[in-house]
Amino acid sequence: MLNLQRPWVGCRVISDLFDRMESEREGGGTYLVRCSYLEIYNEEVRDLLQPATASKQIHIRERENGDIFVSGVSEKHAPTQQVGSLSLSP
């Protein structure tokens, strides 16, 4: 469970992201936020939202334009900045 009394950097980033979206939404902008939660340790990538996913199914890739992305991980819709509401699978 996340300790929101002492927020880690991910919580602060998400909070800032939603604050900025809220200020721009007043000007007519709309957004869809999806989150993945990963662990990279000893050159292995784990999907923390779906721990049953085999590490070999997850790949870190680079697009031709230089953007980095991760394939094979689960994504959850994040309608609010309450990151603690993203339930981790058992």
Protein backbone atom coordinates (compact mmCIF):
# COMPACT_ATOMS: atom_id res chain seq x y z
CA MET A 1 0.00 0.00 0.00
CA LEU A 2 1.28 3.46 -0.86
CA ASN A 3 2.08 5.80 2.00
CA LEU A 4 0.48 9.06 0.85
CA GLN A 5 1.62 10.83 4.04
CA ARG A 6 5.19 10.69 2.69
CA PRO A 7 4.71 10.68 -1.07
CA TRP A 8 7.42 9.14 -3.23
CA VAL A 9 8.50 10.80 -6.46
CA GLY A 10 5.88 8.91 -8.53
CA CYS A 11 3.06 10.30 -6.38
CA ARG A 12 4.38 13.84 -6.72
CA VAL A 13 4.72 13.51 -10.51
CA ILE A 14 1.17 12.18 -10.84
CA SER A 15 -0.16 14.93 -8.59
CA ASP A 16 1.58 17.60 -10.68
CA LEU A 17 0.33 15.99 -13.90
CA PHE A 18 -3.30 16.01 -12.74
CA ASP A 19 -2.98 19.58 -11.41
CA ARG A 20 -1.71 20.75 -14.80
CA MET A 21 -4.46 18.85 -16.64
CA GLU A 22 -7.08 20.40 -14.38
CA SER A 23 -5.83 23.91 -15.13
CA GLU A 24 -5.81 23.20 -18.88
CA ARG A 25 -9.20 21.47 -18.74
CA GLU A 26 -10.69 24.82 -17.74
CA GLY A 27 -9.56 26.02 -21.19
CA GLY A 28 -11.34 23.16 -22.95
CA GLY A 29 -8.65 20.46 -23.01
CA THR A 30 -9.46 16.78 -22.43
CA TYR A 31 -7.14 13.97 -21.36
CA LEU A 32 -7.02 10.21 -20.93
CA VAL A 33 -4.45 8.86 -18.48
CA ARG A 34 -3.33 5.25 -18.45
CA CYS A 35 -0.73 3.92 -16.04
CA SER A 36 1.66 1.00 -15.94
CA TYR A 37 3.68 0.12 -12.87
CA LEU A 38 7.05 -1.53 -13.55
CA GLU A 39 10.07 -2.74 -11.68
CA ILE A 40 13.44 -3.03 -13.40
CA TYR A 41 15.95 -5.01 -11.35
CA ASN A 42 18.98 -7.04 -12.44
CA GLU A 43 18.08 -6.46 -16.09
CA GLU A 44 14.63 -8.01 -15.61
CA VAL A 45 11.42 -6.06 -16.03
CA ARG A 46 8.36 -6.95 -13.92
CA ASP A 47 4.80 -5.78 -14.39
CA LEU A 48 3.68 -4.88 -10.87
CA LEU A 49 0.02 -4.53 -11.91
CA GLN A 50 0.08 -8.09 -13.34
CA PRO A 51 2.87 -9.97 -11.53
CA ALA A 52 1.98 -13.21 -13.34
CA THR A 53 3.25 -11.72 -16.62
CA ALA A 54 6.54 -13.40 -17.53
CA SER A 55 9.51 -11.05 -17.67
CA LYS A 56 10.36 -12.39 -21.15
CA GLN A 57 7.04 -11.04 -22.45
CA ILE A 58 7.98 -7.47 -21.50
CA HIS A 59 10.26 -5.48 -23.80
CA ILE A 60 11.76 -1.99 -23.62
CA ARG A 61 11.95 -0.62 -27.15
CA GLU A 62 12.96 2.53 -28.98
CA ARG A 63 10.98 4.02 -31.85
CA GLU A 64 12.70 5.46 -34.92
CA ASN A 65 12.18 8.99 -33.55
CA GLY A 66 14.01 8.09 -30.32
CA ASP A 67 10.96 7.67 -28.06
CA ILE A 68 11.28 4.86 -25.52
CA PHE A 69 8.29 2.63 -24.76
CA VAL A 70 7.54 -0.64 -22.98
CA SER A 71 5.50 -3.38 -24.65
CA GLY A 72 3.84 -6.35 -22.97
CA VAL A 73 2.81 -4.61 -19.76
CA SER A 74 -0.70 -4.02 -18.46
CA GLU A 75 -2.23 -0.55 -18.38
CA LYS A 76 -4.98 0.73 -16.13
CA HIS A 77 -7.18 3.76 -16.68
CA ALA A 78 -6.41 6.40 -14.05
CA PRO A 79 -9.42 8.74 -13.84
CA THR A 80 -8.10 10.57 -10.75
CA GLN A 81 -4.77 11.26 -9.12
CA GLN A 82 -5.50 8.72 -6.37
CA VAL A 83 -2.69 6.36 -7.39
CA GLY A 84 -3.48 4.15 -4.41
CA SER A 85 -6.72 3.20 -6.16
CA LEU A 86 -4.79 1.24 -8.82
CA SER A 87 -5.12 -2.21 -7.31
CA LEU A 88 -2.20 -4.56 -7.62
CA SER A 89 -3.08 -8.09 -8.66
CA PRO A 90 -2.42 -10.81 -6.08
